[in-house]
C-alpha atoms as a PDB file:
ATOM      1  CA  PHE A   1       0.983  -0.465   0.127  1.00  0.00           C
ATOM      2  CA  GLY A   2       3.020   2.370  -0.356  1.00  0.00           C
ATOM      3  CA  TRP A   3       6.535   3.120  -2.237  1.00  0.00           C
ATOM      4  CA  VAL A   4       9.579   4.242  -1.102  1.00  0.00           C
ATOM      5  CA  ARG A   5      10.970   7.724  -2.376  1.00  0.00           C
ATOM      6  CA  VAL A   6      14.802   9.054  -1.583  1.00  0.00           C
ATOM      7  CA  ALA A   7      14.700  12.896  -1.048  1.00  0.00           C
ATOM      8  CA  TRP A   8      17.197  15.397  -0.193  1.00  0.00           C
ATOM      9  CA  ASP A   9      16.409  17.854   3.636  1.00  0.00           C
ATOM     10  CA  LYS A  10      17.950  20.859   3.479  1.00  0.00           C
ATOM     11  CA  LYS A  11      18.286  21.044   6.798  1.00  0.00           C
ATOM     12  CA  THR A  12      20.567  18.272   7.610  1.00  0.00           C
ATOM     13  CA  ASP A  13      22.262  18.280   3.876  1.00  0.00           C
ATOM     14  CA  LYS A  14      21.554  14.161   3.872  1.00  0.00           C
ATOM     15  CA  TYR A  15      19.398  12.130   2.025  1.00  0.00           C
ATOM     16  CA  VAL A  16      16.187  10.704   3.775  1.00  0.00           C
ATOM     17  CA  ALA A  17      14.093   8.025   2.995  1.00  0.00           C
ATOM     18  CA  VAL A  18      10.133   8.999   2.520  1.00  0.00           C
ATOM     19  CA  LYS A  19       7.832   6.323   3.213  1.00  0.00           C
ATOM     20  CA  ILE A  20       4.922   7.018   0.804  1.00  0.00           C
ATOM     21  CA  MET A  21       1.422   5.393   2.349  1.00  0.00           C
ATOM     22  CA  LYS A  22      -2.340   5.422   0.670  1.00  0.00           C
ATOM     23  CA  LYS A  23      -4.862   5.191   3.918  1.00  0.00           C
ATOM     24  CA  ALA A  24      -7.253   3.366   1.629  1.00  0.00           C
ATOM     25  CA  GLU A  25      -5.315   0.966   0.673  1.00  0.00           C
ATOM     26  CA  ILE A  26      -4.105   1.041   4.575  1.00  0.00           C
ATOM     27  CA  ILE A  27      -7.579   0.235   6.075  1.00  0.00           C
ATOM     28  CA  LYS A  28      -8.309  -1.315   3.134  1.00  0.00           C
ATOM     29  CA  MET A  29      -6.173  -4.071   4.398  1.00  0.00           C
ATOM     30  CA  LYS A  30      -6.570  -3.478   7.641  1.00  0.00           C
ATOM     31  CA  GLN A  31      -3.462  -2.481   8.642  1.00  0.00           C
ATOM     32  CA  VAL A  32      -4.152   0.958  10.263  1.00  0.00           C
ATOM     33  CA  ASP A  33      -2.876  -0.983  14.239  1.00  0.00           C
ATOM     34  CA  HIS A  34       0.609  -2.235  11.818  1.00  0.00           C
ATOM     35  CA  ILE A  35       0.488   1.299  10.768  1.00  0.00           C
ATOM     36  CA  MET A  36       0.409   3.286  14.088  1.00  0.00           C
ATOM     37  CA  ASN A  37       2.520   0.554  15.739  1.00  0.00           C
ATOM     38  CA  GLU A  38       5.555   0.679  13.261  1.00  0.00           C
ATOM     39  CA  ASN A  39       5.239   4.712  13.779  1.00  0.00           C
ATOM     40  CA  ASN A  40       5.135   4.339  17.521  1.00  0.00           C
ATOM     41  CA  ILE A  41       8.342   1.643  17.488  1.00  0.00           C
ATOM     42  CA  LEU A  42      10.327   4.107  15.040  1.00  0.00           C
ATOM     43  CA  ALA A  43       9.628   6.574  17.224  1.00  0.00           C
ATOM     44  CA  SER A  44      10.591   5.400  20.412  1.00  0.00           C
ATOM     45  CA  ILE A  45      14.089   3.150  19.825  1.00  0.00           C
ATOM     46  CA  ASP A  46      17.730   4.381  19.398  1.00  0.00           C
ATOM     47  CA  HIS A  47      19.815   1.829  18.077  1.00  0.00           C
ATOM     48  CA  PRO A  48      22.968   1.932  15.698  1.00  0.00           C
ATOM     49  CA  PHE A  49      21.510  -1.700  14.169  1.00  0.00           C
ATOM     50  CA  ILE A  50      17.865   0.180  13.127  1.00  0.00           C
ATOM     51  CA  ILE A  51      17.033   3.015  11.247  1.00  0.00           C
ATOM     52  CA  THR A  52      15.914   6.059  12.804  1.00  0.00           C
ATOM     53  CA  MET A  53      12.569   7.654  12.019  1.00  0.00           C
ATOM     54  CA  GLU A  54      13.204  11.311  10.741  1.00  0.00           C
ATOM     55  CA  GLY A  55       9.408  12.540  11.175  1.00  0.00           C
ATOM     56  CA  PHE A  56       6.159  11.622   9.907  1.00  0.00           C
ATOM     57  CA  THR A  57       3.312  13.310   8.482  1.00  0.00           C
ATOM     58  CA  GLN A  58       0.701  12.989   6.582  1.00  0.00           C
ATOM     59  CA  ASP A  59      -2.608  14.724   4.247  1.00  0.00           C
ATOM     60  CA  ASP A  60      -6.286  13.985   3.195  1.00  0.00           C
ATOM     61  CA  ARG A  61      -4.675  10.531   1.175  1.00  0.00           C
ATOM     62  CA  TYR A  62      -1.644   9.586   2.426  1.00  0.00           C
ATOM     63  CA  LEU A  63       0.479   9.071   5.187  1.00  0.00           C
ATOM     64  CA  TYR A  64       4.696  10.216   5.042  1.00  0.00           C
ATOM     65  CA  LEU A  65       7.235   8.613   6.637  1.00  0.00           C
ATOM     66  CA  VAL A  66      10.146  10.568   6.814  1.00  0.00           C
ATOM     67  CA  ILE A  67      12.978   7.740   7.411  1.00  0.00           C
ATOM     68  CA  GLU A  68      17.824   7.504   7.589  1.00  0.00           C
ATOM     69  CA  PHE A  69      17.932   6.705   4.008  1.00  0.00           C
ATOM     70  CA  VAL A  70      20.236   3.291   3.687  1.00  0.00           C
ATOM     71  CA  ARG A  71      20.959   2.375   0.700  1.00  0.00           C
ATOM     72  CA  GLY A  72      20.675  -1.957  -1.028  1.00  0.00           C
ATOM     73  CA  GLY A  73      17.120  -1.516   0.860  1.00  0.00           C
ATOM     74  CA  GLU A  74      14.908  -3.465   2.829  1.00  0.00           C
ATOM     75  CA  MET A  75      16.544  -6.698   4.493  1.00  0.00           C
ATOM     76  CA  PHE A  76      13.291  -8.527   4.304  1.00  0.00           C
ATOM     77  CA  THR A  77      13.472  -8.798   0.592  1.00  0.00           C
ATOM     78  CA  TYR A  78      17.127  -9.416   0.871  1.00  0.00           C
ATOM     79  CA  LEU A  79      16.727 -12.076   3.111  1.00  0.00           C
ATOM     80  CA  TRP A  80      13.718 -13.763   1.067  1.00  0.00           C
ATOM     81  CA  GLY A  81      15.466 -13.575  -2.421  1.00  0.00           C
ATOM     82  CA  ILE A  82      18.561 -15.630  -0.364  1.00  0.00           C
ATOM     83  CA  GLY A  83      16.283 -17.810   1.845  1.00  0.00           C
ATOM     84  CA  LYS A  84      17.919 -17.485   4.889  1.00  0.00           C
ATOM     85  CA  PHE A  85      21.670 -16.254   6.799  1.00  0.00           C
ATOM     86  CA  GLU A  86      24.648 -17.901   7.601  1.00  0.00           C
ATOM     87  CA  PRO A  87      25.498 -18.375  10.103  1.00  0.00           C
ATOM     88  CA  LYS A  88      28.300 -15.639   9.396  1.00  0.00           C
ATOM     89  CA  GLN A  89      26.491 -13.634   8.186  1.00  0.00           C
ATOM     90  CA  ALA A  90      24.096 -13.186  10.983  1.00  0.00           C
END
């Protein structure tokens, strides 16, 4: 129910990832609680191995989650492609 775009943050002078999610799709897929939990967890976590959330906003149709930009995409997608981590990778 969304996509990710890379944006330039003028305040910090660095790239960020903007996760854009369509509200209608979130409701249709019954993922409201999931998205709220994602937002709350990212807002409260400060750990070097987990991306940081820079901010969150919304308009009438979309939710926008501004997160730290990390090249390479999601670990889930990577793991899905390889099947499992070898002990050395883990």
